[in-house]
Protein backbone atom coordinates (compact mmCIF):
# COMPACT_ATOMS: atom_id res chain seq x y z
CA MET A 1 34.27 7.70 114.71
CA ARG A 2 32.43 4.55 113.83
CA ILE A 3 28.87 3.59 114.45
CA ILE A 4 28.81 0.06 115.78
CA THR A 5 25.64 -2.12 116.00
CA ARG A 6 25.88 -5.00 118.37
CA LYS A 7 23.49 -7.70 119.24
CA ARG A 8 24.58 -9.00 122.58
CA LEU A 9 23.93 -12.60 123.44
CA PHE A 10 23.70 -13.67 127.02
CA GLY A 11 23.74 -16.96 128.91
CA GLY A 12 24.20 -17.70 132.56
CA GLY A 13 25.06 -14.10 133.19
CA SER A 14 27.94 -13.80 130.71
CA ILE A 15 27.61 -11.70 127.60
CA ALA A 16 29.30 -11.97 124.28
CA ALA A 17 29.17 -9.29 121.51
CA ILE A 18 29.06 -9.50 117.65
CA ALA A 19 30.03 -6.31 115.96
CA LEU A 20 28.46 -5.14 112.75
CA LEU A 21 28.58 -1.93 110.75
CA ALA A 22 25.37 -0.03 110.75
CA ALA A 23 23.84 3.48 110.28
CA GLY A 24 21.61 5.91 112.15
CA CYS A 25 20.63 6.50 115.67
CA ALA A 26 17.82 8.38 117.50
CA SER A 27 17.00 8.85 121.40
CA GLY A 28 13.56 8.91 125.82
CA PRO A 29 11.80 11.95 127.67
CA ALA A 30 12.44 14.09 130.69
CA ALA A 31 9.47 14.98 132.84
CA GLU A 32 7.33 11.98 131.83
CA THR A 33 3.70 10.89 132.02
CA PRO A 34 2.98 7.24 132.33
CA ALA A 35 1.49 5.91 129.14
CA THR A 36 -1.68 3.91 129.02
CA ASP A 37 -0.39 1.65 126.15
CA THR A 38 0.86 -1.65 127.60
CA HIS A 39 2.72 -2.58 124.42
CA GLY A 40 1.80 -6.17 124.56
CA HIS A 41 1.84 -7.02 128.28
CA ASP A 42 -0.94 -6.99 130.82
CA VAL A 43 0.49 -4.56 133.40
CA GLU A 44 0.02 -0.91 132.55
CA ALA A 45 2.86 1.59 132.39
CA GLY A 46 3.08 3.55 135.61
CA SER A 47 1.62 0.74 137.74
CA ARG A 48 4.89 -0.64 139.18
CA VAL A 49 7.41 1.09 141.44
CA ALA A 50 10.94 -0.29 141.83
CA VAL A 51 12.82 0.65 145.01
CA SER A 52 16.51 0.05 145.84
CA LEU A 53 17.15 -1.21 149.34
CA GLU A 54 20.30 -2.44 151.09
CA GLY A 55 21.28 -5.53 149.23
CA GLU A 56 18.01 -5.94 147.36
CA VAL A 57 15.53 -4.33 145.10
CA ALA A 58 11.72 -4.33 145.65
CA VAL A 59 8.86 -4.08 143.21
CA LEU A 60 5.74 -2.36 144.60
CA ASP A 61 2.17 -1.92 143.31
CA ALA A 62 2.15 1.78 142.36
CA GLU A 63 -1.39 2.31 143.74
CA THR A 64 -1.21 0.61 147.07
CA LEU A 65 2.63 0.60 147.52
CA SER A 66 2.41 -2.95 148.81
CA VAL A 67 5.46 -5.22 148.05
CA ILE A 68 4.92 -7.65 145.19
CA ASP A 69 8.33 -9.21 145.38
CA THR A 70 11.93 -8.50 146.34
CA PHE A 71 15.18 -9.64 144.66
CA GLU A 72 18.70 -9.99 146.15
CA THR A 73 21.32 -7.79 144.48
CA GLU A 74 24.42 -5.72 145.44
CA GLU A 75 24.46 -3.56 148.62
CA PHE A 76 24.11 -0.32 146.69
CA THR A 77 22.25 -0.08 143.38
CA ARG A 78 20.74 2.73 141.25
CA LEU A 79 17.49 2.56 139.28
CA ASN A 80 16.38 3.99 135.95
CA ALA A 81 13.21 3.31 133.83
CA VAL A 82 13.86 1.90 130.40
CA GLY A 83 10.85 3.71 128.97
CA ASP A 84 8.98 0.68 127.69
CA GLY A 85 6.29 0.57 130.37
CA ARG A 86 7.77 -2.64 131.67
CA ASN A 87 11.45 -2.64 132.54
CA VAL A 88 13.78 -0.81 134.90
CA LEU A 89 17.55 -0.87 134.75
CA VAL A 90 19.45 -1.82 137.98
CA THR A 91 22.88 -0.42 137.98
CA THR A 92 25.43 -2.90 139.40
CA SER A 93 29.13 -3.51 139.14
CA ALA A 94 28.45 -5.61 136.02
CA GLY A 95 26.48 -2.95 134.17
CA PHE A 96 22.82 -2.23 133.59
CA GLN A 97 20.75 -5.32 134.65
CA VAL A 98 17.09 -5.53 133.50
CA LEU A 99 14.36 -5.73 136.12
CA ASP A 100 11.11 -6.93 134.56
CA THR A 101 8.58 -5.16 136.86
CA THR A 102 5.58 -7.08 135.39
CA THR A 103 6.61 -10.65 136.00
CA PRO A 104 8.41 -9.43 138.22
CA GLU A 105 11.89 -10.82 137.70
CA LEU A 106 15.43 -9.55 138.07
CA THR A 107 16.52 -11.05 134.72
CA GLN A 108 19.93 -12.21 133.55
CA THR A 109 19.92 -9.66 130.82
CA VAL A 110 22.72 -7.21 131.46
CA PHE A 111 24.05 -4.35 129.38
CA ASP A 112 27.81 -4.63 130.00
CA ALA A 113 29.37 -1.42 131.43
CA ASP A 114 32.38 -0.57 133.45
CA ALA A 115 31.24 2.01 136.01
CA ALA A 116 27.67 2.18 134.67
CA GLY A 117 26.39 5.72 134.93
CA HIS A 118 23.74 7.89 133.36
CA VAL A 119 20.58 6.67 131.64
CA VAL A 120 18.64 9.03 129.31
CA ARG A 121 15.38 8.43 127.58
CA HIS A 122 14.39 10.65 124.53
CA ALA A 123 12.32 10.25 121.38
CA GLY A 124 11.83 6.56 121.75
CA GLN A 125 15.40 5.74 122.45
CA THR A 126 17.15 4.76 125.65
CA ILE A 127 20.89 5.83 125.97
CA LEU A 128 23.28 4.36 128.50
CA TYR A 129 26.80 5.63 129.45
CA SER A 130 29.65 3.63 130.64
CA ASP A 131 32.07 5.83 132.58
CA GLY A 132 34.83 3.29 132.70
CA TRP A 133 34.80 2.69 128.98
CA GLY A 134 33.54 6.05 127.71
CA GLU A 135 30.94 4.10 125.78
CA THR A 136 27.50 5.20 124.77
CA THR A 137 24.99 2.37 124.14
CA ILE A 138 21.71 3.25 122.29
CA PHE A 139 18.62 1.08 121.77
CA ASP A 140 15.00 1.45 120.90
CA SER A 141 13.09 1.90 124.21
CA HIS A 142 10.62 -0.81 123.27
CA ALA A 143 13.23 -3.32 122.05
CA LEU A 144 13.28 -5.36 125.27
CA VAL A 145 9.51 -5.70 125.19
CA ASP A 146 9.62 -6.72 121.46
CA SER A 147 12.29 -9.19 122.12
CA ASP A 148 10.47 -10.62 125.26
CA GLY A 149 13.46 -9.64 127.43
CA ALA A 150 16.27 -10.91 125.18
CA MET A 151 19.20 -8.60 124.63
CA PRO A 152 18.27 -6.17 121.76
CA GLU A 153 20.39 -4.82 119.01
CA VAL A 154 22.31 -1.71 120.26
CA ARG A 155 24.32 1.02 118.61
CA GLN A 156 27.47 2.29 120.27
CA HIS A 157 29.80 5.18 120.26
CA GLN A 158 33.24 5.27 121.84
CA ALA A 159 34.52 8.51 123.34
CA ASP A 160 38.10 9.59 122.88
CA ALA A 161 38.70 8.92 126.59
CA PRO A 162 36.67 7.30 129.40
CA HIS A 163 35.07 9.86 131.79
CA HIS A 164 32.03 10.38 133.95
CA GLY A 165 29.78 11.37 130.98
CA VAL A 166 26.33 11.40 129.50
CA SER A 167 24.78 11.24 125.98
CA ILE A 168 21.52 11.99 124.23
CA VAL A 169 20.33 11.25 120.74
CA LEU A 170 17.95 13.76 119.21
CA GLU A 171 15.03 13.07 116.89
CA ASP A 172 17.15 13.72 113.77
CA GLY A 173 19.77 11.23 114.95
CA THR A 174 22.34 13.76 116.17
CA LEU A 175 24.36 12.47 119.11
CA VAL A 176 25.22 14.97 121.76
CA THR A 177 27.82 13.59 124.20
CA THR A 178 30.22 14.91 126.90
CA VAL A 179 33.95 15.38 126.29
CA GLY A 180 36.55 14.63 128.97
CA ASP A 181 38.98 12.17 130.48
CA ASP A 182 39.78 10.69 133.86
CA ALA A 183 41.29 14.04 134.90
CA ALA A 184 38.71 16.57 133.79
CA ARG A 185 35.58 17.22 131.70
CA SER A 186 35.54 20.21 129.41
CA GLY A 187 32.35 20.32 127.34
CA ALA A 188 30.33 18.47 124.74
CA VAL A 189 30.30 17.55 121.01
CA ALA A 190 27.42 17.13 118.59
CA LEU A 191 27.92 14.33 116.08
CA GLU A 192 25.88 13.44 112.92
CA PRO A 193 25.67 9.81 111.94
CA HIS A 194 26.94 8.98 108.36
CA ASP A 195 26.73 5.21 107.36
CA ASP A 196 29.43 3.66 109.39
CA HIS A 197 30.82 6.73 111.12
CA TYR A 198 29.99 10.00 112.89
CA HIS A 199 30.77 13.46 111.53
CA GLU A 200 31.48 16.21 113.94
CA LEU A 201 28.94 19.11 113.60
CA THR A 202 30.24 21.29 116.42
CA VAL A 203 32.02 21.13 119.73
CA SER A 204 32.25 23.34 122.91
CA ASP A 205 34.97 23.39 125.51
CA GLN A 206 33.28 25.93 127.61
CA CYS A 207 31.76 23.66 130.29
CA PRO A 208 34.21 22.74 132.89
CA GLY A 209 33.09 19.71 135.00
CA ILE A 210 30.15 19.05 132.66
CA HIS A 211 27.59 16.91 134.36
CA GLY A 212 24.01 15.80 133.95
CA GLU A 213 21.54 16.41 131.02
CA GLY A 214 17.98 17.51 130.46
CA THR A 215 16.06 18.28 127.33
CA ALA A 216 13.62 21.16 127.36
CA LYS A 217 10.95 22.35 124.83
CA ASP A 218 12.00 22.16 121.13
CA GLU A 219 14.91 19.79 121.97
CA ALA A 220 17.01 22.33 123.90
CA VAL A 221 19.52 20.14 125.54
CA VAL A 222 20.98 21.60 128.82
CA PHE A 223 24.13 20.36 130.53
CA GLY A 224 25.42 21.54 133.98
CA CYS A 225 28.86 23.17 134.35
CA GLU A 226 30.94 24.33 137.34
CA ASP A 227 30.48 27.92 136.15
CA GLY A 228 26.92 27.87 134.66
CA ALA A 229 25.28 25.68 131.97
CA LEU A 230 25.75 24.61 128.36
CA MET A 231 22.90 24.37 125.85
CA TYR A 232 22.72 22.68 122.50
CA ARG A 233 19.93 23.87 120.27
CA ASP A 234 19.37 24.18 116.54
CA GLY A 235 22.82 22.89 115.72
CA ALA A 236 24.88 25.19 117.98
CA PHE A 237 26.12 25.45 121.60
CA HIS A 238 25.34 28.36 123.80
CA LYS A 239 27.08 28.93 127.14
CA PHE A 240 25.28 30.40 130.12
CA ASP A 241 27.59 31.94 132.69
CA ALA A 242 26.80 31.80 136.39
CA PRO A 243 26.77 35.02 138.28
CA GLU A 244 29.58 33.70 140.46
CA GLU A 245 33.00 32.39 139.63
CA TYR A 246 31.97 28.96 141.05
CA GLY A 247 28.31 28.33 140.28
CA ARG A 248 27.93 24.61 139.70
CA MET A 249 24.88 22.98 138.20
CA GLY A 250 24.87 19.20 138.25
CA ASN A 251 21.34 18.19 137.30
CA ALA A 252 18.70 19.64 135.02
CA TYR A 253 15.03 19.24 135.83
CA VAL A 254 13.08 19.72 132.67
CA SER A 255 9.82 19.30 130.83
CA GLU A 256 9.73 18.80 127.17
CA THR A 257 6.77 21.21 126.98
CA SER A 258 8.51 24.07 128.91
CA PRO A 259 11.42 26.29 127.76
CA ILE A 260 12.44 26.78 131.29
CA ALA A 261 15.05 24.29 132.69
CA VAL A 262 15.61 24.26 136.41
CA GLY A 263 19.01 23.25 137.67
CA ASP A 264 20.36 22.46 141.13
CA TYR A 265 22.85 25.16 142.13
CA LYS A 266 25.86 25.33 144.42
CA ASN A 267 28.13 28.36 144.91
CA ASP A 268 30.59 27.11 147.46
CA PRO A 269 33.11 24.43 146.34
CA ASP A 270 34.23 23.83 149.91
CA ALA A 271 30.68 23.45 151.43
CA GLU A 272 30.23 20.19 153.37
CA GLY A 273 27.30 17.93 152.82
CA TYR A 274 24.78 17.78 149.98
CA LEU A 275 22.10 20.31 151.01
CA LEU A 276 21.35 22.99 148.54
CA ASN A 277 19.45 26.30 148.89
CA ASP A 278 19.34 27.77 145.39
CA VAL A 279 18.21 26.82 141.93
CA ALA A 280 19.22 28.02 138.47
CA LEU A 281 16.45 29.09 136.17
CA ILE A 282 17.48 28.73 132.48
CA ASP A 283 15.15 30.16 129.77
CA THR A 284 16.23 28.23 126.70
CA GLU A 285 14.19 30.49 124.39
CA ASN A 286 15.27 33.82 125.64
CA GLU A 287 18.73 32.56 126.60
CA THR A 288 18.71 33.93 130.11
CA TYR A 289 20.25 32.38 133.25
CA ASP A 290 19.13 33.44 136.76
CA VAL A 291 19.84 32.05 140.25
CA GLN A 292 16.82 31.91 142.60
CA ASN A 293 17.37 31.54 146.41
CA LEU A 294 14.84 29.29 148.02
CA GLY A 295 14.72 31.02 151.37
CA ASP A 296 14.15 28.42 154.13
CA VAL A 297 13.88 25.56 151.68
CA GLU A 298 16.85 23.17 151.60
CA TYR A 299 16.97 20.13 149.40
CA THR A 300 19.26 17.57 147.70
CA TRP A 301 19.52 16.83 144.04
CA ARG A 302 17.57 13.58 144.61
CA GLY A 303 14.45 15.40 145.84
CA ALA A 304 13.37 17.46 142.83
CA GLY A 305 11.42 17.01 139.56
CA ARG A 306 8.82 18.46 137.25
CA GLY A 307 5.20 17.76 137.21
CA PRO A 308 1.68 19.02 136.32
CA GLY A 309 1.49 22.37 134.77
CA ASP A 310 5.25 22.22 134.17
CA ARG A 311 5.72 23.21 137.79
CA PHE A 312 9.02 22.47 139.69
CA PHE A 313 8.55 20.26 142.80
CA VAL A 314 11.22 20.09 145.47
CA LEU A 315 11.22 18.04 148.68
CA GLY A 316 12.52 20.30 151.47
CA THR A 317 14.23 19.21 154.73
CA ASP A 318 11.05 20.44 156.43
CA GLY A 319 9.30 17.37 155.04
CA SER A 320 7.13 19.22 152.55
CA ILE A 321 7.01 19.19 148.80
CA HIS A 322 7.26 22.86 147.72
CA VAL A 323 5.70 23.90 144.36
CA MET A 324 7.39 26.56 142.23
CA ASP A 325 6.31 28.29 139.09
CA PRO A 326 9.54 28.25 137.11
CA GLN A 327 8.48 31.34 135.11
CA SER A 328 8.52 33.51 138.24
CA GLY A 329 10.79 31.51 140.46
CA GLU A 330 8.28 31.83 143.26
CA PHE A 331 6.80 29.08 145.43
CA ASP A 332 2.96 29.04 145.39
CA ASP A 333 2.11 25.95 147.47
CA ALA A 334 3.61 23.33 149.85
CA TYR A 335 2.44 19.81 150.68
CA PRO A 336 3.50 18.22 154.04
CA VAL A 337 4.50 14.64 153.39
CA VAL A 338 7.23 13.26 155.68
CA ASP A 339 8.95 14.26 158.91
CA GLU A 340 11.77 16.79 158.94
CA TRP A 341 15.09 15.33 157.88
CA GLU A 342 18.77 16.06 157.73
CA GLY A 343 21.05 15.99 154.61
CA PRO A 344 23.22 12.93 154.07
CA GLY A 345 27.05 12.71 154.84
CA ASP A 346 27.46 10.82 151.56
CA TRP A 347 25.46 10.92 148.39
CA GLN A 348 24.86 7.20 148.37
CA GLN A 349 23.37 7.33 151.93
CA PRO A 350 19.59 6.92 151.98
CA HIS A 351 17.79 10.17 152.71
CA ALA A 352 14.45 11.62 152.00
CA ALA A 353 14.09 11.74 148.25
CA MET A 354 11.44 12.15 145.50
CA ILE A 355 10.69 11.33 141.94
CA THR A 356 7.81 12.52 139.84
CA ALA A 357 5.78 10.53 137.35
CA GLY A 358 3.05 12.41 135.68
CA ASP A 359 0.77 13.90 138.43
CA ILE A 360 2.26 11.72 141.21
CA ALA A 361 5.28 11.91 143.36
CA TYR A 362 6.91 8.95 145.02
CA VAL A 363 8.74 9.89 148.18
CA ALA A 364 11.35 7.84 149.99
CA ASP A 365 10.33 8.18 153.63
CA VAL A 366 13.58 6.99 155.07
CA ALA A 367 12.65 7.60 158.77
CA ASN A 368 9.82 5.12 158.43
CA GLN A 369 11.36 2.81 155.91
CA ARG A 370 8.56 3.17 153.35
CA VAL A 371 7.44 4.93 150.19
CA VAL A 372 4.76 7.58 150.19
CA SER A 373 2.82 8.66 147.04
CA VAL A 374 1.38 12.15 146.67
CA ASP A 375 -1.10 13.74 144.21
CA LEU A 376 0.87 16.68 142.91
CA THR A 377 -2.28 18.55 141.77
CA THR A 378 -3.77 18.60 145.29
CA GLY A 379 -1.08 17.56 147.81
CA GLU A 380 -3.25 14.59 148.89
CA VAL A 381 -1.24 11.63 150.24
CA LEU A 382 -2.50 8.78 148.06
CA ALA A 383 -0.81 5.92 149.90
CA GLU A 384 1.69 5.10 152.57
CA GLY A 385 3.57 1.89 151.90
CA GLU A 386 4.36 -0.99 154.22
CA SER A 387 7.58 -1.03 156.15
CA LEU A 388 10.46 -2.23 153.97
CA SER A 389 13.41 -4.30 154.90
CA SER A 390 15.68 -1.25 155.03
CA ALA A 391 15.46 2.35 154.15
CA PRO A 392 14.48 3.11 150.58
CA ASN A 393 17.18 4.62 148.47
CA GLU A 394 16.34 5.18 144.85
CA ILE A 395 12.96 4.88 143.14
CA ALA A 396 11.89 4.15 139.56
CA VAL A 397 8.51 3.73 137.90
CA ASN A 398 7.91 1.54 134.90
CA LEU A 399 7.32 4.55 132.65
CA GLY A 400 6.18 4.06 129.10
């Protein structure tokens, strides 16, 4: 498997590629705290919030949640922070389009991708995955700032077959990426970069339906499986078996200072809708896997995250953010934020959702077509944004 370095040139929305041989990779964080370093621009990291709406994306002031500007785009888009304190990636049919939140501007810089999917930030690198091509694209998280928005040099890896996948590059350059094809996904492989190619370190086929990724303390990488979870740590894979034959985890909510990964958990493959009532608690140090029922709290995968004290925060259908100690699996607080809400009929449908950025949660208050910010240390509502043109869907902060 070859390592390809490409510097993509763009003009008028079209992108050409020049392929060169190169060496080495590395990878951006999980539960993240906005940085104070502005890295050469005059808007601080964490001070802008991007919101996807129907047919447009809005940039808000993070403190007041007032609208700074809006930009027309496709009807449904997804949002992910680049990790440079400035830019957010808008997932469109063309790929990952760069939204400069400081100007602000929806730029013509696009990382080409067929069926653009997961975005991962780790160790100063941003990693993109194209499901349609099975292609991993890696670039230095600050490269877009350093190039003043021009397309940076990227490194790429081609999977054996296209699939809905995800990749991460560790601090030592190891690329850990999913394995599958358009029919099924089976596990993951760890690859070591050598000059112009990758060398396979180890592989696991023990993770049917592998999905999602999160990196806990000491670079313990956790993937979700349809029957548990798969961890890569210290050069080896470890499989965690769910207590039930079907115990699907699709997303890992992690902190890079905590050994506990929290996963969404579903035990009924035939269940309708997207509401969940359990979480998986994975101790990556002691290699234990437990399922915790949440009682009356129901949530979706888009309403959970980690925050201060490495706590786990989840937005319930009762409209409150519930605070869990992942060590015990017990809730110890709840913060009322929005009205009660019902689960969506389709995952793309706007519904009450939440992201965490340091000590602050940003909540999509769909019923009132606005965003609400909450101090996760006290539960205080910091700001209630103005009414938007449509219901907010995805949210991203200009993390640094």
